[in-house]
Full PDB file with SEQRES, HELIX, SHEET, SSBOND, CRYST1, ORIGX, SCALE, CONECT and MASTER records, all heavy atoms in Angstrom:
SEQRES   1 A   39  GLY VAL GLU ALA GLU LEU PRO HIS TYR ASP LEU LYS ARG          
SEQRES   2 A   39  ASN PRO GLY GLU ARG ASN GLU ARG PRO GLY ASN GLU HIS          
SEQRES   3 A   39  TYR ARG HIS ASN GLN ARG LEU LYS THR LEU ILE ILE ASP          
CRYST1    1.000    1.000    1.000  90.00  90.00  90.00 P 1           1          
ORIGX1      1.000000  0.000000  0.000000        0.00000                         
ORIGX2      0.000000  1.000000  0.000000        0.00000                         
ORIGX3      0.000000  0.000000  1.000000        0.00000                         
SCALE1      1.000000  0.000000  0.000000        0.00000                         
SCALE2      0.000000  1.000000  0.000000        0.00000                         
SCALE3      0.000000  0.000000  1.000000        0.00000                         
ATOM      1  N   GLY A   1     -47.509  28.252 102.878  1.00  0.00           N  
ATOM      2  CA  GLY A   1     -47.050  27.840 101.562  1.00  0.00           C  
ATOM      3  C   GLY A   1     -46.590  26.405 101.459  1.00  0.00           C  
ATOM      4  O   GLY A   1     -46.237  25.956 100.370  1.00  0.00           O  
ATOM      5  N   VAL A   2     -46.579  25.665 102.552  1.00  0.00           N  
ATOM      6  CA  VAL A   2     -46.112  24.272 102.534  1.00  0.00           C  
ATOM      7  C   VAL A   2     -47.173  23.388 103.166  1.00  0.00           C  
ATOM      8  O   VAL A   2     -47.538  23.574 104.330  1.00  0.00           O  
ATOM      9  CB  VAL A   2     -44.770  24.105 103.287  1.00  0.00           C  
ATOM     10  CG1 VAL A   2     -44.337  22.640 103.260  1.00  0.00           C  
ATOM     11  CG2 VAL A   2     -43.699  24.984 102.665  1.00  0.00           C  
ATOM     12  N   GLU A   3     -47.663  22.460 102.390  1.00  0.00           N  
ATOM     13  CA  GLU A   3     -48.675  21.526 102.871  1.00  0.00           C  
ATOM     14  C   GLU A   3     -48.180  20.100 102.694  1.00  0.00           C  
ATOM     15  O   GLU A   3     -47.317  19.829 101.863  1.00  0.00           O  
ATOM     16  CB  GLU A   3     -49.991  21.725 102.100  1.00  0.00           C  
ATOM     17  CG  GLU A   3     -50.605  23.099 102.292  1.00  0.00           C  
ATOM     18  CD  GLU A   3     -51.816  23.308 101.395  1.00  0.00           C  
ATOM     19  OE1 GLU A   3     -52.079  22.427 100.552  1.00  0.00           O  
ATOM     20  OE2 GLU A   3     -52.486  24.349 101.538  1.00  0.00           O  
ATOM     21  N   ALA A   4     -48.747  19.202 103.495  1.00  0.00           N  
ATOM     22  CA  ALA A   4     -48.383  17.788 103.433  1.00  0.00           C  
ATOM     23  C   ALA A   4     -49.645  16.955 103.336  1.00  0.00           C  
ATOM     24  O   ALA A   4     -50.741  17.396 103.722  1.00  0.00           O  
ATOM     25  CB  ALA A   4     -47.570  17.383 104.666  1.00  0.00           C  
ATOM     26  N   GLU A   5     -49.479  15.752 102.828  1.00  0.00           N  
ATOM     27  CA  GLU A   5     -50.605  14.831 102.670  1.00  0.00           C  
ATOM     28  C   GLU A   5     -50.462  13.653 103.621  1.00  0.00           C  
ATOM     29  O   GLU A   5     -49.407  13.027 103.687  1.00  0.00           O  
ATOM     30  CB  GLU A   5     -50.662  14.315 101.236  1.00  0.00           C  
ATOM     31  CG  GLU A   5     -51.696  13.218 101.033  1.00  0.00           C  
ATOM     32  CD  GLU A   5     -51.493  12.452  99.744  1.00  0.00           C  
ATOM     33  OE1 GLU A   5     -50.699  12.911  98.903  1.00  0.00           O  
ATOM     34  OE2 GLU A   5     -52.111  11.386  99.584  1.00  0.00           O  
ATOM     35  N   LEU A   6     -51.516  13.371 104.363  1.00  0.00           N  
ATOM     36  CA  LEU A   6     -51.594  12.188 105.215  1.00  0.00           C  
ATOM     37  C   LEU A   6     -52.580  11.218 104.561  1.00  0.00           C  
ATOM     38  O   LEU A   6     -53.790  11.376 104.687  1.00  0.00           O  
ATOM     39  CB  LEU A   6     -52.060  12.555 106.621  1.00  0.00           C  
ATOM     40  CG  LEU A   6     -52.227  11.394 107.608  1.00  0.00           C  
ATOM     41  CD1 LEU A   6     -50.874  10.828 108.004  1.00  0.00           C  
ATOM     42  CD2 LEU A   6     -52.980  11.835 108.854  1.00  0.00           C  
ATOM     43  N   PRO A   7     -52.092  10.220 103.819  1.00  0.00           N  
ATOM     44  CA  PRO A   7     -53.011   9.327 103.102  1.00  0.00           C  
ATOM     45  C   PRO A   7     -53.688   8.326 104.033  1.00  0.00           C  
ATOM     46  O   PRO A   7     -53.075   7.809 104.961  1.00  0.00           O  
ATOM     47  CB  PRO A   7     -52.099   8.612 102.095  1.00  0.00           C  
ATOM     48  CG  PRO A   7     -50.740   8.701 102.677  1.00  0.00           C  
ATOM     49  CD  PRO A   7     -50.684   9.925 103.536  1.00  0.00           C  
ATOM     50  N   HIS A   8     -54.960   8.080 103.787  1.00  0.00           N  
ATOM     51  CA  HIS A   8     -55.676   7.041 104.535  1.00  0.00           C  
ATOM     52  C   HIS A   8     -56.724   6.425 103.614  1.00  0.00           C  
ATOM     53  O   HIS A   8     -57.925   6.497 103.859  1.00  0.00           O  
ATOM     54  CB  HIS A   8     -56.314   7.591 105.820  1.00  0.00           C  
ATOM     55  CG  HIS A   8     -57.007   8.904 105.666  1.00  0.00           C  
ATOM     56  ND1 HIS A   8     -58.273   9.029 105.153  1.00  0.00           N  
ATOM     57  CD2 HIS A   8     -56.594  10.159 105.957  1.00  0.00           C  
ATOM     58  CE1 HIS A   8     -58.633  10.310 105.154  1.00  0.00           C  
ATOM     59  NE2 HIS A   8     -57.625  11.023 105.627  1.00  0.00           N  
ATOM     60  N   TYR A   9     -56.226   5.827 102.550  1.00  0.00           N  
ATOM     61  CA  TYR A   9     -57.110   5.244 101.538  1.00  0.00           C  
ATOM     62  C   TYR A   9     -57.903   4.079 102.103  1.00  0.00           C  
ATOM     63  O   TYR A   9     -57.455   3.361 102.986  1.00  0.00           O  
ATOM     64  CB  TYR A   9     -56.294   4.753 100.342  1.00  0.00           C  
ATOM     65  CG  TYR A   9     -55.638   5.848  99.559  1.00  0.00           C  
ATOM     66  CD1 TYR A   9     -54.315   6.192  99.781  1.00  0.00           C  
ATOM     67  CD2 TYR A   9     -56.356   6.554  98.599  1.00  0.00           C  
ATOM     68  CE1 TYR A   9     -53.708   7.206  99.063  1.00  0.00           C  
ATOM     69  CE2 TYR A   9     -55.756   7.568  97.876  1.00  0.00           C  
ATOM     70  CZ  TYR A   9     -54.438   7.885  98.107  1.00  0.00           C  
ATOM     71  OH  TYR A   9     -53.844   8.895  97.403  1.00  0.00           O  
ATOM     72  N   ASP A  10     -59.078   3.898 101.533  1.00  0.00           N  
ATOM     73  CA  ASP A  10     -59.867   2.705 101.806  1.00  0.00           C  
ATOM     74  C   ASP A  10     -59.221   1.571 101.022  1.00  0.00           C  
ATOM     75  O   ASP A  10     -59.314   1.515  99.795  1.00  0.00           O  
ATOM     76  CB  ASP A  10     -61.313   2.926 101.351  1.00  0.00           C  
ATOM     77  CG  ASP A  10     -62.195   1.718 101.642  1.00  0.00           C  
ATOM     78  OD1 ASP A  10     -61.655   0.673 102.052  1.00  0.00           O  
ATOM     79  OD2 ASP A  10     -63.419   1.807 101.441  1.00  0.00           O  
ATOM     80  N   LEU A  11     -58.546   0.681 101.731  1.00  0.00           N  
ATOM     81  CA  LEU A  11     -57.778  -0.360 101.054  1.00  0.00           C  
ATOM     82  C   LEU A  11     -58.666  -1.359 100.328  1.00  0.00           C  
ATOM     83  O   LEU A  11     -58.184  -2.114  99.482  1.00  0.00           O  
ATOM     84  CB  LEU A  11     -56.889  -1.087 102.072  1.00  0.00           C  
ATOM     85  CG  LEU A  11     -55.849  -0.196 102.758  1.00  0.00           C  
ATOM     86  CD1 LEU A  11     -54.965  -1.024 103.679  1.00  0.00           C  
ATOM     87  CD2 LEU A  11     -54.982   0.524 101.727  1.00  0.00           C  
ATOM     88  N   LYS A  12     -59.955  -1.385 100.636  1.00  0.00           N  
ATOM     89  CA  LYS A  12     -60.859  -2.253  99.887  1.00  0.00           C  
ATOM     90  C   LYS A  12     -61.072  -1.704  98.478  1.00  0.00           C  
ATOM     91  O   LYS A  12     -61.196  -2.452  97.514  1.00  0.00           O  
ATOM     92  CB  LYS A  12     -62.195  -2.371 100.614  1.00  0.00           C  
ATOM     93  CG  LYS A  12     -62.107  -3.126 101.944  1.00  0.00           C  
ATOM     94  CD  LYS A  12     -63.478  -3.235 102.601  1.00  0.00           C  
ATOM     95  CE  LYS A  12     -63.375  -4.008 103.920  1.00  0.00           C  
ATOM     96  NZ  LYS A  12     -64.705  -4.118 104.597  1.00  0.00           N  
ATOM     97  N   ARG A  13     -61.126  -0.387  98.371  1.00  0.00           N  
ATOM     98  CA  ARG A  13     -61.289   0.232  97.048  1.00  0.00           C  
ATOM     99  C   ARG A  13     -59.966   0.422  96.339  1.00  0.00           C  
ATOM    100  O   ARG A  13     -59.884   0.343  95.115  1.00  0.00           O  
ATOM    101  CB  ARG A  13     -61.981   1.599  97.190  1.00  0.00           C  
ATOM    102  CG  ARG A  13     -63.414   1.535  97.666  1.00  0.00           C  
ATOM    103  CD  ARG A  13     -64.084   2.896  97.588  1.00  0.00           C  
ATOM    104  NE  ARG A  13     -63.444   3.878  98.457  1.00  0.00           N  
ATOM    105  CZ  ARG A  13     -62.744   4.910  98.026  1.00  0.00           C  
ATOM    106  NH1 ARG A  13     -62.582   5.116  96.742  1.00  0.00           N  
ATOM    107  NH2 ARG A  13     -62.214   5.759  98.878  1.00  0.00           N  
ATOM    108  N   ASN A  14     -58.901   0.707  97.102  1.00  0.00           N  
ATOM    109  CA  ASN A  14     -57.585   0.975  96.527  1.00  0.00           C  
ATOM    110  C   ASN A  14     -56.535   0.135  97.243  1.00  0.00           C  
ATOM    111  O   ASN A  14     -55.769   0.638  98.073  1.00  0.00           O  
ATOM    112  CB  ASN A  14     -57.243   2.469  96.662  1.00  0.00           C  
ATOM    113  CG  ASN A  14     -58.332   3.357  96.088  1.00  0.00           C  
ATOM    114  OD1 ASN A  14     -58.541   3.400  94.894  1.00  0.00           O  
ATOM    115  ND2 ASN A  14     -59.036   4.061  96.966  1.00  0.00           N  
ATOM    116  N   PRO A  15     -56.481  -1.160  96.956  1.00  0.00           N  
ATOM    117  CA  PRO A  15     -55.577  -2.055  97.703  1.00  0.00           C  
ATOM    118  C   PRO A  15     -54.101  -1.741  97.515  1.00  0.00           C  
ATOM    119  O   PRO A  15     -53.290  -2.099  98.346  1.00  0.00           O  
ATOM    120  CB  PRO A  15     -55.924  -3.442  97.141  1.00  0.00           C  
ATOM    121  CG  PRO A  15     -56.557  -3.182  95.814  1.00  0.00           C  
ATOM    122  CD  PRO A  15     -57.274  -1.880  95.948  1.00  0.00           C  
ATOM    123  N   GLY A  16     -53.763  -1.039  96.444  1.00  0.00           N  
ATOM    124  CA  GLY A  16     -52.355  -0.737  96.223  1.00  0.00           C  
ATOM    125  C   GLY A  16     -51.868   0.516  96.917  1.00  0.00           C  
ATOM    126  O   GLY A  16     -50.677   0.823  96.876  1.00  0.00           O  
ATOM    127  N   GLU A  17     -52.745   1.257  97.552  1.00  0.00           N  
ATOM    128  CA  GLU A  17     -52.367   2.516  98.201  1.00  0.00           C  
ATOM    129  C   GLU A  17     -51.962   2.264  99.650  1.00  0.00           C  
ATOM    130  O   GLU A  17     -52.257   1.232 100.232  1.00  0.00           O  
ATOM    131  CB  GLU A  17     -53.534   3.510  98.141  1.00  0.00           C  
ATOM    132  CG  GLU A  17     -54.082   3.754  96.743  1.00  0.00           C  
ATOM    133  CD  GLU A  17     -53.142   4.572  95.877  1.00  0.00           C  
ATOM    134  OE1 GLU A  17     -52.071   4.964  96.359  1.00  0.00           O  
ATOM    135  OE2 GLU A  17     -53.481   4.797  94.705  1.00  0.00           O  
ATOM    136  N   ARG A  18     -51.291   3.241 100.244  1.00  0.00           N  
ATOM    137  CA  ARG A  18     -50.858   3.085 101.626  1.00  0.00           C  
ATOM    138  C   ARG A  18     -51.777   3.849 102.574  1.00  0.00           C  
ATOM    139  O   ARG A  18     -52.341   4.883 102.218  1.00  0.00           O  
ATOM    140  CB  ARG A  18     -49.417   3.561 101.784  1.00  0.00           C  
ATOM    141  CG  ARG A  18     -49.154   4.978 101.316  1.00  0.00           C  
ATOM    142  CD  ARG A  18     -47.676   5.284 101.420  1.00  0.00           C  
ATOM    143  NE  ARG A  18     -47.314   6.479 100.686  1.00  0.00           N  
ATOM    144  CZ  ARG A  18     -46.058   6.831 100.433  1.00  0.00           C  
ATOM    145  NH1 ARG A  18     -45.079   6.068 100.861  1.00  0.00           N  
ATOM    146  NH2 ARG A  18     -45.781   7.923  99.767  1.00  0.00           N  
ATOM    147  N   ASN A  19     -51.878   3.333 103.774  1.00  0.00           N  
ATOM    148  CA  ASN A  19     -52.719   3.942 104.800  1.00  0.00           C  
ATOM    149  C   ASN A  19     -51.817   4.381 105.942  1.00  0.00           C  
ATOM    150  O   ASN A  19     -51.210   3.549 106.613  1.00  0.00           O  
ATOM    151  CB  ASN A  19     -53.770   2.942 105.284  1.00  0.00           C  
ATOM    152  CG  ASN A  19     -54.804   3.603 106.186  1.00  0.00           C  
ATOM    153  OD1 ASN A  19     -54.542   4.641 106.791  1.00  0.00           O  
ATOM    154  ND2 ASN A  19     -55.965   2.999 106.297  1.00  0.00           N  
ATOM    155  N   GLU A  20     -51.705   5.674 106.152  1.00  0.00           N  
ATOM    156  CA  GLU A  20     -50.809   6.212 107.178  1.00  0.00           C  
ATOM    157  C   GLU A  20     -51.571   6.812 108.351  1.00  0.00           C  
ATOM    158  O   GLU A  20     -50.991   7.529 109.163  1.00  0.00           O  
ATOM    159  CB  GLU A  20     -49.881   7.275 106.563  1.00  0.00           C  
ATOM    160  CG  GLU A  20     -49.030   6.783 105.400  1.00  0.00           C  
ATOM    161  CD  GLU A  20     -48.059   5.676 105.785  1.00  0.00           C  
ATOM    162  OE1 GLU A  20     -47.757   5.562 106.994  1.00  0.00           O  
ATOM    163  OE2 GLU A  20     -47.616   4.928 104.893  1.00  0.00           O  
ATOM    164  N   ARG A  21     -52.861   6.529 108.453  1.00  0.00           N  
ATOM    165  CA  ARG A  21     -53.652   7.028 109.582  1.00  0.00           C  
ATOM    166  C   ARG A  21     -54.127   5.858 110.430  1.00  0.00           C  
ATOM    167  O   ARG A  21     -54.720   4.912 109.918  1.00  0.00           O  
ATOM    168  CB  ARG A  21     -54.883   7.796 109.066  1.00  0.00           C  
ATOM    169  CG  ARG A  21     -55.751   8.361 110.188  1.00  0.00           C  
ATOM    170  CD  ARG A  21     -57.042   8.944 109.649  1.00  0.00           C  
ATOM    171  NE  ARG A  21     -57.937   7.896 109.140  1.00  0.00           N  
ATOM    172  CZ  ARG A  21     -59.160   8.121 108.686  1.00  0.00           C  
ATOM    173  NH1 ARG A  21     -59.623   9.356 108.642  1.00  0.00           N  
ATOM    174  NH2 ARG A  21     -59.910   7.131 108.239  1.00  0.00           N  
ATOM    175  N   PRO A  22     -53.847   5.879 111.742  1.00  0.00           N  
ATOM    176  CA  PRO A  22     -54.374   4.819 112.613  1.00  0.00           C  
ATOM    177  C   PRO A  22     -55.884   4.744 112.535  1.00  0.00           C  
ATOM    178  O   PRO A  22     -56.571   5.771 112.377  1.00  0.00           O  
ATOM    179  CB  PRO A  22     -53.902   5.256 114.011  1.00  0.00           C  
ATOM    180  CG  PRO A  22     -52.708   6.127 113.765  1.00  0.00           C  
ATOM    181  CD  PRO A  22     -52.998   6.836 112.472  1.00  0.00           C  
ATOM    182  N   GLY A  23     -56.414   3.541 112.647  1.00  0.00           N  
ATOM    183  CA  GLY A  23     -57.848   3.341 112.480  1.00  0.00           C  
ATOM    184  C   GLY A  23     -58.710   4.053 113.503  1.00  0.00           C  
ATOM    185  O   GLY A  23     -59.888   4.315 113.253  1.00  0.00           O  
ATOM    186  N   ASN A  24     -58.133   4.385 114.667  1.00  0.00           N  
ATOM    187  CA  ASN A  24     -58.938   5.019 115.719  1.00  0.00           C  
ATOM    188  C   ASN A  24     -58.875   6.541 115.674  1.00  0.00           C  
ATOM    189  O   ASN A  24     -59.406   7.208 116.563  1.00  0.00           O  
ATOM    190  CB  ASN A  24     -58.459   4.546 117.096  1.00  0.00           C  
ATOM    191  CG  ASN A  24     -57.050   5.027 117.415  1.00  0.00           C  
ATOM    192  OD1 ASN A  24     -56.218   5.168 116.522  1.00  0.00           O  
ATOM    193  ND2 ASN A  24     -56.778   5.281 118.692  1.00  0.00           N  
ATOM    194  N   GLU A  25     -58.219   7.116 114.654  1.00  0.00           N  
ATOM    195  CA  GLU A  25     -58.043   8.564 114.616  1.00  0.00           C  
ATOM    196  C   GLU A  25     -58.908   9.199 113.526  1.00  0.00           C  
ATOM    197  O   GLU A  25     -58.971   8.705 112.394  1.00  0.00           O  
ATOM    198  CB  GLU A  25     -56.573   8.924 114.367  1.00  0.00           C  
ATOM    199  CG  GLU A  25     -55.661   8.558 115.523  1.00  0.00           C  
ATOM    200  CD  GLU A  25     -54.263   9.106 115.348  1.00  0.00           C  
ATOM    201  OE1 GLU A  25     -53.989   9.765 114.312  1.00  0.00           O  
ATOM    202  OE2 GLU A  25     -53.428   8.874 116.244  1.00  0.00           O  
ATOM    203  N   HIS A  26     -59.544  10.308 113.890  1.00  0.00           N  
ATOM    204  CA  HIS A  26     -60.294  11.131 112.946  1.00  0.00           C  
ATOM    205  C   HIS A  26     -59.990  12.580 113.294  1.00  0.00           C  
ATOM    206  O   HIS A  26     -59.942  12.955 114.471  1.00  0.00           O  
ATOM    207  CB  HIS A  26     -61.789  10.845 113.033  1.00  0.00           C  
ATOM    208  CG  HIS A  26     -62.141   9.423 112.696  1.00  0.00           C  
ATOM    209  ND1 HIS A  26     -62.272   8.975 111.400  1.00  0.00           N  
ATOM    210  CD2 HIS A  26     -62.345   8.345 113.493  1.00  0.00           C  
ATOM    211  CE1 HIS A  26     -62.560   7.686 111.410  1.00  0.00           C  
ATOM    212  NE2 HIS A  26     -62.610   7.272 112.673  1.00  0.00           N  
ATOM    213  N   TYR A  27     -59.779  13.402 112.283  1.00  0.00           N  
ATOM    214  CA  TYR A  27     -59.257  14.739 112.511  1.00  0.00           C  
ATOM    215  C   TYR A  27     -60.314  15.809 112.210  1.00  0.00           C  
ATOM    216  O   TYR A  27     -61.192  15.628 111.365  1.00  0.00           O  
ATOM    217  CB  TYR A  27     -58.020  14.970 111.640  1.00  0.00           C  
ATOM    218  CG  TYR A  27     -57.028  13.834 111.705  1.00  0.00           C  
ATOM    219  CD1 TYR A  27     -56.625  13.157 110.551  1.00  0.00           C  
ATOM    220  CD2 TYR A  27     -56.526  13.398 112.925  1.00  0.00           C  
ATOM    221  CE1 TYR A  27     -55.732  12.107 110.610  1.00  0.00           C  
ATOM    222  CE2 TYR A  27     -55.634  12.346 112.998  1.00  0.00           C  
ATOM    223  CZ  TYR A  27     -55.243  11.697 111.836  1.00  0.00           C  
ATOM    224  OH  TYR A  27     -54.374  10.649 111.907  1.00  0.00           O  
ATOM    225  N   ARG A  28     -60.167  16.927 112.906  1.00  0.00           N  
ATOM    226  CA  ARG A  28     -61.076  18.054 112.702  1.00  0.00           C  
ATOM    227  C   ARG A  28     -60.271  19.252 112.194  1.00  0.00           C  
ATOM    228  O   ARG A  28     -59.042  19.302 112.335  1.00  0.00           O  
ATOM    229  CB  ARG A  28     -61.792  18.420 114.007  1.00  0.00           C  
ATOM    230  CG  ARG A  28     -60.879  18.864 115.127  1.00  0.00           C  
ATOM    231  CD  ARG A  28     -61.621  19.150 116.411  1.00  0.00           C  
ATOM    232  NE  ARG A  28     -60.733  19.672 117.438  1.00  0.00           N  
ATOM    233  CZ  ARG A  28     -59.983  18.925 118.227  1.00  0.00           C  
ATOM    234  NH1 ARG A  28     -60.016  17.604 118.120  1.00  0.00           N  
ATOM    235  NH2 ARG A  28     -59.199  19.477 119.126  1.00  0.00           N  
ATOM    236  N   HIS A  29     -60.961  20.206 111.618  1.00  0.00           N  
ATOM    237  CA  HIS A  29     -60.311  21.375 111.042  1.00  0.00           C  
ATOM    238  C   HIS A  29     -59.539  22.151 112.107  1.00  0.00           C  
ATOM    239  O   HIS A  29     -59.997  22.336 113.237  1.00  0.00           O  
ATOM    240  CB  HIS A  29     -61.364  22.285 110.397  1.00  0.00           C  
ATOM    241  CG  HIS A  29     -60.786  23.485 109.724  1.00  0.00           C  
ATOM    242  ND1 HIS A  29     -59.939  23.400 108.633  1.00  0.00           N  
ATOM    243  CD2 HIS A  29     -60.913  24.811 109.993  1.00  0.00           C  
ATOM    244  CE1 HIS A  29     -59.589  24.611 108.257  1.00  0.00           C  
ATOM    245  NE2 HIS A  29     -60.161  25.492 109.063  1.00  0.00           N  
ATOM    246  N   ASN A  30     -58.321  22.573 111.743  1.00  0.00           N  
ATOM    247  CA  ASN A  30     -57.413  23.347 112.607  1.00  0.00           C  
ATOM    248  C   ASN A  30     -56.850  22.534 113.768  1.00  0.00           C  
ATOM    249  O   ASN A  30     -56.211  23.107 114.670  1.00  0.00           O  
ATOM    250  CB  ASN A  30     -58.094  24.607 113.154  1.00  0.00           C  
ATOM    251  CG  ASN A  30     -58.127  25.727 112.133  1.00  0.00           C  
ATOM    252  OD1 ASN A  30     -57.313  25.753 111.202  1.00  0.00           O  
ATOM    253  ND2 ASN A  30     -59.064  26.647 112.271  1.00  0.00           N  
ATOM    254  N   GLN A  31     -57.054  21.246 113.794  1.00  0.00           N  
ATOM    255  CA  GLN A  31     -56.450  20.408 114.837  1.00  0.00           C  
ATOM    256  C   GLN A  31     -54.940  20.306 114.598  1.00  0.00           C  
ATOM    257  O   GLN A  31     -54.486  20.133 113.471  1.00  0.00           O  
ATOM    258  CB  GLN A  31     -57.075  19.008 114.793  1.00  0.00           C  
ATOM    259  CG  GLN A  31     -56.493  18.051 115.832  1.00  0.00           C  
ATOM    260  CD  GLN A  31     -57.139  16.675 115.755  1.00  0.00           C  
ATOM    261  OE1 GLN A  31     -58.156  16.503 115.094  1.00  0.00           O  
ATOM    262  NE2 GLN A  31     -56.550  15.715 116.425  1.00  0.00           N  
ATOM    263  N   ARG A  32     -54.163  20.405 115.667  1.00  0.00           N  
ATOM    264  CA  ARG A  32     -52.709  20.299 115.555  1.00  0.00           C  
ATOM    265  C   ARG A  32     -52.303  18.833 115.658  1.00  0.00           C  
ATOM    266  O   ARG A  32     -52.783  18.093 116.519  1.00  0.00           O  
ATOM    267  CB  ARG A  32     -52.014  21.129 116.650  1.00  0.00           C  
ATOM    268  CG  ARG A  32     -52.199  22.627 116.473  1.00  0.00           C  
ATOM    269  CD  ARG A  32     -51.440  23.414 117.527  1.00  0.00           C  
ATOM    270  NE  ARG A  32     -50.002  23.240 117.427  1.00  0.00           N  
ATOM    271  CZ  ARG A  32     -49.223  23.893 116.573  1.00  0.00           C  
ATOM    272  NH1 ARG A  32     -49.747  24.764 115.718  1.00  0.00           N  
ATOM    273  NH2 ARG A  32     -47.930  23.694 116.553  1.00  0.00           N  
ATOM    274  N   LEU A  33     -51.375  18.446 114.764  1.00  0.00           N  
ATOM    275  CA  LEU A  33     -50.919  17.058 114.710  1.00  0.00           C  
ATOM    276  C   LEU A  33     -49.406  17.008 114.576  1.00  0.00           C  
ATOM    277  O   LEU A  33     -48.801  17.824 113.873  1.00  0.00           O  
ATOM    278  CB  LEU A  33     -51.528  16.332 113.500  1.00  0.00           C  
ATOM    279  CG  LEU A  33     -52.976  15.869 113.544  1.00  0.00           C  
ATOM    280  CD1 LEU A  33     -53.313  15.197 112.221  1.00  0.00           C  
ATOM    281  CD2 LEU A  33     -53.198  14.897 114.687  1.00  0.00           C  
ATOM    282  N   LYS A  34     -48.815  16.036 115.250  1.00  0.00           N  
ATOM    283  CA  LYS A  34     -47.399  15.717 115.027  1.00  0.00           C  
ATOM    284  C   LYS A  34     -47.347  14.529 114.074  1.00  0.00           C  
ATOM    285  O   LYS A  34     -47.975  13.500 114.312  1.00  0.00           O  
ATOM    286  CB  LYS A  34     -46.693  15.377 116.341  1.00  0.00           C  
ATOM    287  CG  LYS A  34     -46.406  16.589 117.226  1.00  0.00           C  
ATOM    288  CD  LYS A  34     -45.600  16.182 118.447  1.00  0.00           C  
ATOM    289  CE  LYS A  34     -45.137  17.397 119.248  1.00  0.00           C  
ATOM    290  NZ  LYS A  34     -46.239  18.141 119.830  1.00  0.00           N  
ATOM    291  N   THR A  35     -46.613  14.674 112.989  1.00  0.00           N  
ATOM    292  CA  THR A  35     -46.524  13.626 111.987  1.00  0.00           C  
ATOM    293  C   THR A  35     -45.066  13.408 111.593  1.00  0.00           C  
ATOM    294  O   THR A  35     -44.205  14.257 111.852  1.00  0.00           O  
ATOM    295  CB  THR A  35     -47.337  13.977 110.729  1.00  0.00           C  
ATOM    296  OG1 THR A  35     -46.856  15.218 110.188  1.00  0.00           O  
ATOM    297  CG2 THR A  35     -48.821  14.108 111.057  1.00  0.00           C  
ATOM    298  N   LEU A  36     -44.821  12.285 110.941  1.00  0.00           N  
ATOM    299  CA  LEU A  36     -43.469  11.933 110.502  1.00  0.00           C  
ATOM    300  C   LEU A  36     -43.405  12.019 108.988  1.00  0.00           C  
ATOM    301  O   LEU A  36     -44.247  11.442 108.286  1.00  0.00           O  
ATOM    302  CB  LEU A  36     -43.124  10.510 110.965  1.00  0.00           C  
ATOM    303  CG  LEU A  36     -41.678  10.063 110.733  1.00  0.00           C  
ATOM    304  CD1 LEU A  36     -40.775  10.630 111.828  1.00  0.00           C  
ATOM    305  CD2 LEU A  36     -41.580   8.538 110.714  1.00  0.00           C  
ATOM    306  N   ILE A  37     -42.411  12.725 108.469  1.00  0.00           N  
ATOM    307  CA  ILE A  37     -42.219  12.797 107.021  1.00  0.00           C  
ATOM    308  C   ILE A  37     -41.657  11.469 106.532  1.00  0.00           C  
ATOM    309  O   ILE A  37     -40.591  11.032 106.976  1.00  0.00           O  
ATOM    310  CB  ILE A  37     -41.268  13.949 106.637  1.00  0.00           C  
ATOM    311  CG1 ILE A  37     -41.853  15.293 107.073  1.00  0.00           C  
ATOM    312  CG2 ILE A  37     -41.019  13.955 105.132  1.00  0.00           C  
ATOM    313  CD1 ILE A  37     -40.928  16.470 106.807  1.00  0.00           C  
ATOM    314  N   ILE A  38     -42.374  10.802 105.621  1.00  0.00           N  
ATOM    315  CA  ILE A  38     -41.922   9.506 105.118  1.00  0.00           C  
ATOM    316  C   ILE A  38     -41.556   9.548 103.638  1.00  0.00           C  
ATOM    317  O   ILE A  38     -40.906   8.624 103.135  1.00  0.00           O  
ATOM    318  CB  ILE A  38     -42.982   8.411 105.350  1.00  0.00           C  
ATOM    319  CG1 ILE A  38     -44.303   8.785 104.668  1.00  0.00           C  
ATOM    320  CG2 ILE A  38     -43.192   8.172 106.834  1.00  0.00           C  
ATOM    321  CD1 ILE A  38     -45.321   7.660 104.690  1.00  0.00           C  
ATOM    322  N   ASP A  39     -41.948  10.613 102.937  1.00  0.00           N  
ATOM    323  CA  ASP A  39     -41.637  10.679 101.512  1.00  0.00           C  
ATOM    324  C   ASP A  39     -41.808  12.110 101.037  1.00  0.00           C  
ATOM    325  O   ASP A  39     -42.667  12.847 101.537  1.00  0.00           O  
ATOM    326  CB  ASP A  39     -42.568   9.745 100.724  1.00  0.00           C  
ATOM    327  CG  ASP A  39     -42.181   9.637  99.250  1.00  0.00           C  
ATOM    328  OD1 ASP A  39     -41.003   9.922  98.933  1.00  0.00           O  
ATOM    329  OD2 ASP A  39     -43.038   9.261  98.425  1.00  0.00           O  
TER     330      ASP A  39                                                      
MASTER        0    0    0    0    0    0    0    6  329    1    0    3          
END                                                                             
């Protein structure tokens, strides 16, 4: 019942958005991740 969003916008298309995913990371379904709540 609780989901979170990890934004990784293409800053060329959306320069005002934030990118919270390192450039070398790509995720697969059901992969476990440790993340930090920022907002």
